[in-house]
Amino acid sequence: MPYLYLILAITAEVIATSSMKASDGFTRLAPSLVTVTGYCIAFYCLSLTLRDIPTGVAYAIWSGVGIVLIALIAWLLHGQRLDLPAIIGIALIIAGVAVMQLFSKISAH
């Protein structure tokens, strides 16, 4: 169940962050409401996750997966491009999260 909460937290955070750009500095009501609601859901679900998964592990997964998903959404929806160093950096983040999950003794399996 903690990983379900983590997936929900990541999804809500990605939706909120994507909507933040559309909120135009919180000057547009609907995207602003989606942003605030999404972050509230994300933090609530993350707090439930932290009951069973160590904070460092949960946050590493949340931020790592979030970075990758936001980069993909920015590329697909906003035409934003990543250069080679950015792609390498994202790949290293993914590798770091994978190492923590697969090999760390503090990770909740």
N, C-alpha and C. Protein backbone atom coordinates (compact mmCIF):
# COMPACT_ATOMS: atom_id res chain seq x y z
N MET A 1 0.80 -1.21 0.00
CA MET A 1 0.00 0.00 0.00
C MET A 1 0.85 1.28 0.00
N PRO A 2 2.02 1.30 0.68
CA PRO A 2 2.78 2.54 0.68
C PRO A 2 3.24 2.96 -0.72
N TYR A 3 3.51 1.98 -1.57
CA TYR A 3 3.93 2.34 -2.92
C TYR A 3 2.77 2.86 -3.76
N LEU A 4 1.56 2.43 -3.46
CA LEU A 4 0.38 3.00 -4.12
C LEU A 4 0.24 4.47 -3.73
N TYR A 5 0.41 4.77 -2.45
CA TYR A 5 0.36 6.17 -2.00
C TYR A 5 1.47 6.99 -2.66
N LEU A 6 2.63 6.38 -2.82
CA LEU A 6 3.74 7.10 -3.45
C LEU A 6 3.43 7.38 -4.91
N ILE A 7 2.86 6.42 -5.61
CA ILE A 7 2.47 6.63 -7.01
C ILE A 7 1.43 7.74 -7.11
N LEU A 8 0.46 7.75 -6.19
CA LEU A 8 -0.55 8.81 -6.18
C LEU A 8 0.10 10.16 -5.89
N ALA A 9 1.05 10.19 -4.96
CA ALA A 9 1.75 11.44 -4.64
C ALA A 9 2.52 11.97 -5.84
N ILE A 10 3.21 11.09 -6.54
CA ILE A 10 3.97 11.49 -7.72
C ILE A 10 3.03 12.00 -8.81
N THR A 11 1.95 11.28 -9.04
CA THR A 11 0.99 11.68 -10.07
C THR A 11 0.39 13.04 -9.77
N ALA A 12 -0.03 13.25 -8.53
CA ALA A 12 -0.61 14.54 -8.14
C ALA A 12 0.41 15.67 -8.27
N GLU A 13 1.65 15.40 -7.89
CA GLU A 13 2.70 16.42 -7.98
C GLU A 13 3.00 16.77 -9.44
N VAL A 14 3.04 15.78 -10.30
CA VAL A 14 3.31 16.03 -11.72
C VAL A 14 2.18 16.84 -12.34
N ILE A 15 0.95 16.50 -12.01
CA ILE A 15 -0.20 17.26 -12.52
C ILE A 15 -0.14 18.70 -12.00
N ALA A 16 0.15 18.85 -10.70
CA ALA A 16 0.22 20.19 -10.11
C ALA A 16 1.32 21.03 -10.75
N THR A 17 2.48 20.44 -10.92
CA THR A 17 3.60 21.18 -11.50
C THR A 17 3.32 21.55 -12.96
N SER A 18 2.71 20.63 -13.70
CA SER A 18 2.36 20.92 -15.09
C SER A 18 1.33 22.03 -15.18
N SER A 19 0.40 22.05 -14.25
CA SER A 19 -0.63 23.08 -14.23
C SER A 19 -0.08 24.44 -13.80
N MET A 20 1.00 24.42 -13.04
CA MET A 20 1.58 25.67 -12.58
C MET A 20 2.00 26.55 -13.75
N LYS A 21 2.57 25.95 -14.78
CA LYS A 21 2.95 26.73 -15.96
C LYS A 21 1.71 27.36 -16.60
N ALA A 22 0.64 26.58 -16.68
CA ALA A 22 -0.60 27.09 -17.28
C ALA A 22 -1.27 28.15 -16.41
N SER A 23 -0.94 28.18 -15.10
CA SER A 23 -1.57 29.16 -14.21
C SER A 23 -1.07 30.58 -14.49
N ASP A 24 0.04 30.69 -15.22
CA ASP A 24 0.61 31.99 -15.60
C ASP A 24 0.83 32.86 -14.35
N GLY A 25 1.60 32.31 -13.43
CA GLY A 25 1.90 33.05 -12.20
C GLY A 25 0.70 33.18 -11.29
N PHE A 26 -0.15 32.18 -11.28
CA PHE A 26 -1.38 32.15 -10.49
C PHE A 26 -2.35 33.28 -10.87
N THR A 27 -2.33 33.67 -12.14
CA THR A 27 -3.28 34.68 -12.61
C THR A 27 -4.48 34.07 -13.30
N ARG A 28 -4.42 32.77 -13.59
CA ARG A 28 -5.56 32.06 -14.20
C ARG A 28 -6.13 31.10 -13.17
N LEU A 29 -7.44 31.22 -12.92
CA LEU A 29 -8.07 30.53 -11.79
C LEU A 29 -8.02 29.00 -11.90
N ALA A 30 -8.51 28.43 -13.01
CA ALA A 30 -8.61 26.97 -13.10
C ALA A 30 -7.26 26.27 -12.94
N PRO A 31 -6.23 26.66 -13.70
CA PRO A 31 -4.94 25.99 -13.50
C PRO A 31 -4.36 26.25 -12.11
N SER A 32 -4.65 27.40 -11.52
CA SER A 32 -4.17 27.69 -10.17
C SER A 32 -4.82 26.75 -9.16
N LEU A 33 -6.11 26.50 -9.31
CA LEU A 33 -6.81 25.57 -8.41
C LEU A 33 -6.29 24.14 -8.58
N VAL A 34 -6.01 23.74 -9.82
CA VAL A 34 -5.45 22.41 -10.06
C VAL A 34 -4.08 22.30 -9.39
N THR A 35 -3.28 23.35 -9.48
CA THR A 35 -1.95 23.34 -8.87
C THR A 35 -2.04 23.18 -7.36
N VAL A 36 -2.83 24.01 -6.71
CA VAL A 36 -2.94 23.97 -5.25
C VAL A 36 -3.54 22.63 -4.79
N THR A 37 -4.60 22.19 -5.45
CA THR A 37 -5.23 20.92 -5.09
C THR A 37 -4.26 19.76 -5.30
N GLY A 38 -3.55 19.77 -6.41
CA GLY A 38 -2.60 18.70 -6.70
C GLY A 38 -1.50 18.61 -5.67
N TYR A 39 -0.98 19.76 -5.23
CA TYR A 39 0.07 19.73 -4.21
C TYR A 39 -0.48 19.27 -2.86
N CYS A 40 -1.69 19.65 -2.53
CA CYS A 40 -2.30 19.17 -1.27
C CYS A 40 -2.44 17.65 -1.30
N ILE A 41 -2.93 17.12 -2.40
CA ILE A 41 -3.06 15.67 -2.54
C ILE A 41 -1.69 15.00 -2.49
N ALA A 42 -0.72 15.59 -3.20
CA ALA A 42 0.62 15.01 -3.26
C ALA A 42 1.24 14.92 -1.87
N PHE A 43 1.17 16.00 -1.10
CA PHE A 43 1.79 15.98 0.23
C PHE A 43 1.04 15.06 1.19
N TYR A 44 -0.27 15.00 1.06
CA TYR A 44 -1.04 14.08 1.91
C TYR A 44 -0.64 12.63 1.61
N CYS A 45 -0.61 12.28 0.33
CA CYS A 45 -0.24 10.90 -0.05
C CYS A 45 1.21 10.61 0.34
N LEU A 46 2.10 11.59 0.19
CA LEU A 46 3.48 11.38 0.60
C LEU A 46 3.56 11.15 2.11
N SER A 47 2.76 11.87 2.88
CA SER A 47 2.77 11.66 4.34
C SER A 47 2.33 10.24 4.69
N LEU A 48 1.38 9.69 3.94
CA LEU A 48 0.96 8.31 4.17
C LEU A 48 2.06 7.33 3.78
N THR A 49 2.78 7.66 2.73
CA THR A 49 3.90 6.83 2.29
C THR A 49 4.96 6.72 3.38
N LEU A 50 5.21 7.85 4.05
CA LEU A 50 6.30 7.90 5.02
C LEU A 50 6.02 7.09 6.28
N ARG A 51 4.83 6.54 6.41
CA ARG A 51 4.55 5.64 7.52
C ARG A 51 5.37 4.35 7.40
N ASP A 52 5.64 3.94 6.15
CA ASP A 52 6.28 2.64 5.91
C ASP A 52 7.60 2.70 5.15
N ILE A 53 7.81 3.76 4.39
CA ILE A 53 9.04 3.87 3.59
C ILE A 53 9.89 4.97 4.20
N PRO A 54 11.20 4.72 4.39
CA PRO A 54 12.07 5.76 4.94
C PRO A 54 12.00 7.06 4.12
N THR A 55 12.09 8.18 4.80
CA THR A 55 11.94 9.49 4.16
C THR A 55 12.89 9.68 2.99
N GLY A 56 14.16 9.37 3.18
CA GLY A 56 15.14 9.57 2.10
C GLY A 56 14.83 8.75 0.86
N VAL A 57 14.40 7.52 1.06
CA VAL A 57 14.07 6.64 -0.06
C VAL A 57 12.82 7.14 -0.76
N ALA A 58 11.78 7.45 0.01
CA ALA A 58 10.53 7.93 -0.59
C ALA A 58 10.75 9.22 -1.36
N TYR A 59 11.51 10.13 -0.77
CA TYR A 59 11.74 11.42 -1.43
C TYR A 59 12.60 11.26 -2.67
N ALA A 60 13.57 10.36 -2.62
CA ALA A 60 14.42 10.11 -3.80
C ALA A 60 13.57 9.57 -4.95
N ILE A 61 12.69 8.64 -4.65
CA ILE A 61 11.81 8.09 -5.69
C ILE A 61 10.87 9.16 -6.20
N TRP A 62 10.25 9.90 -5.28
CA TRP A 62 9.30 10.94 -5.66
C TRP A 62 9.95 11.99 -6.54
N SER A 63 11.08 12.51 -6.11
CA SER A 63 11.72 13.57 -6.88
C SER A 63 12.31 13.03 -8.18
N GLY A 64 12.92 11.86 -8.15
CA GLY A 64 13.51 11.30 -9.37
C GLY A 64 12.48 11.00 -10.44
N VAL A 65 11.42 10.31 -10.06
CA VAL A 65 10.36 9.99 -11.03
C VAL A 65 9.67 11.27 -11.48
N GLY A 66 9.46 12.20 -10.54
CA GLY A 66 8.83 13.47 -10.88
C GLY A 66 9.65 14.26 -11.90
N ILE A 67 10.96 14.31 -11.72
CA ILE A 67 11.83 15.02 -12.67
C ILE A 67 11.70 14.43 -14.06
N VAL A 68 11.74 13.13 -14.15
CA VAL A 68 11.65 12.47 -15.46
C VAL A 68 10.29 12.75 -16.11
N LEU A 69 9.22 12.60 -15.33
CA LEU A 69 7.88 12.81 -15.90
C LEU A 69 7.66 14.27 -16.30
N ILE A 70 8.11 15.21 -15.48
CA ILE A 70 7.95 16.63 -15.82
C ILE A 70 8.76 16.95 -17.07
N ALA A 71 9.96 16.42 -17.19
CA ALA A 71 10.76 16.65 -18.40
C ALA A 71 10.06 16.10 -19.64
N LEU A 72 9.45 14.91 -19.51
CA LEU A 72 8.71 14.34 -20.64
C LEU A 72 7.49 15.18 -21.01
N ILE A 73 6.75 15.63 -20.01
CA ILE A 73 5.57 16.44 -20.27
C ILE A 73 5.98 17.78 -20.89
N ALA A 74 7.04 18.38 -20.38
CA ALA A 74 7.51 19.65 -20.94
C ALA A 74 7.92 19.47 -22.41
N TRP A 75 8.51 18.34 -22.72
CA TRP A 75 8.91 18.06 -24.10
C TRP A 75 7.68 17.83 -24.98
N LEU A 76 6.75 17.00 -24.50
CA LEU A 76 5.58 16.64 -25.30
C LEU A 76 4.57 17.79 -25.45
N LEU A 77 4.29 18.50 -24.37
CA LEU A 77 3.24 19.51 -24.40
C LEU A 77 3.74 20.93 -24.69
N HIS A 78 4.98 21.22 -24.28
CA HIS A 78 5.47 22.59 -24.40
C HIS A 78 6.62 22.73 -25.38
N GLY A 79 7.02 21.63 -26.00
CA GLY A 79 8.10 21.69 -26.98
C GLY A 79 9.46 22.02 -26.39
N GLN A 80 9.63 21.84 -25.09
CA GLN A 80 10.91 22.14 -24.47
C GLN A 80 11.89 21.00 -24.75
N ARG A 81 13.09 21.35 -25.08
CA ARG A 81 14.11 20.35 -25.43
C ARG A 81 15.15 20.26 -24.33
N LEU A 82 15.74 19.09 -24.19
CA LEU A 82 16.83 18.88 -23.26
C LEU A 82 18.11 18.67 -24.05
N ASP A 83 19.20 19.28 -23.58
CA ASP A 83 20.48 19.03 -24.22
C ASP A 83 21.11 17.77 -23.61
N LEU A 84 22.23 17.36 -24.16
CA LEU A 84 22.87 16.11 -23.73
C LEU A 84 23.23 16.11 -22.25
N PRO A 85 23.81 17.19 -21.70
CA PRO A 85 24.09 17.16 -20.26
C PRO A 85 22.84 16.98 -19.40
N ALA A 86 21.73 17.58 -19.80
CA ALA A 86 20.48 17.42 -19.06
C ALA A 86 19.99 15.98 -19.12
N ILE A 87 20.09 15.37 -20.28
CA ILE A 87 19.67 13.98 -20.44
C ILE A 87 20.56 13.05 -19.61
N ILE A 88 21.85 13.32 -19.61
CA ILE A 88 22.77 12.51 -18.80
C ILE A 88 22.45 12.69 -17.32
N GLY A 89 22.17 13.92 -16.90
CA GLY A 89 21.82 14.17 -15.50
C GLY A 89 20.57 13.43 -15.09
N ILE A 90 19.56 13.44 -15.94
CA ILE A 90 18.32 12.71 -15.64
C ILE A 90 18.59 11.21 -15.57
N ALA A 91 19.42 10.71 -16.47
CA ALA A 91 19.77 9.28 -16.44
C ALA A 91 20.49 8.92 -15.14
N LEU A 92 21.34 9.81 -14.65
CA LEU A 92 22.03 9.56 -13.38
C LEU A 92 21.05 9.57 -12.21
N ILE A 93 20.06 10.45 -12.26
CA ILE A 93 19.03 10.46 -11.21
C ILE A 93 18.28 9.13 -11.19
N ILE A 94 17.89 8.66 -12.37
CA ILE A 94 17.19 7.38 -12.48
C ILE A 94 18.07 6.25 -11.94
N ALA A 95 19.35 6.28 -12.32
CA ALA A 95 20.27 5.25 -11.84
C ALA A 95 20.40 5.30 -10.32
N GLY A 96 20.46 6.49 -9.76
CA GLY A 96 20.56 6.64 -8.31
C GLY A 96 19.35 6.08 -7.58
N VAL A 97 18.17 6.37 -8.10
CA VAL A 97 16.95 5.83 -7.49
C VAL A 97 16.94 4.31 -7.61
N ALA A 98 17.34 3.79 -8.75
CA ALA A 98 17.37 2.34 -8.94
C ALA A 98 18.35 1.68 -7.97
N VAL A 99 19.52 2.27 -7.79
CA VAL A 99 20.51 1.72 -6.86
C VAL A 99 19.95 1.70 -5.44
N MET A 100 19.29 2.81 -5.05
CA MET A 100 18.70 2.84 -3.70
C MET A 100 17.65 1.75 -3.54
N GLN A 101 16.81 1.59 -4.51
CA GLN A 101 15.73 0.60 -4.43
C GLN A 101 16.24 -0.82 -4.45
N LEU A 102 17.21 -1.08 -5.29
CA LEU A 102 17.67 -2.46 -5.49
C LEU A 102 18.68 -2.93 -4.45
N PHE A 103 19.52 -2.01 -3.97
CA PHE A 103 20.65 -2.45 -3.16
C PHE A 103 20.71 -1.90 -1.74
N SER A 104 19.96 -0.87 -1.44
CA SER A 104 20.04 -0.27 -0.12
C SER A 104 19.28 -1.13 0.90
N LYS A 105 19.85 -1.25 2.07
CA LYS A 105 19.21 -2.00 3.14
C LYS A 105 18.13 -1.17 3.85
N ILE A 106 18.13 0.15 3.62
CA ILE A 106 17.11 0.99 4.27
C ILE A 106 15.83 1.06 3.43
N SER A 107 15.89 0.58 2.21
CA SER A 107 14.71 0.63 1.34
C SER A 107 13.66 -0.39 1.79
N ALA A 108 12.40 0.02 1.74
CA ALA A 108 11.31 -0.89 2.12
C ALA A 108 10.90 -1.71 0.91
N HIS A 109 11.22 -2.99 0.93
CA HIS A 109 10.90 -3.86 -0.22
C HIS A 109 9.60 -4.57 0.02
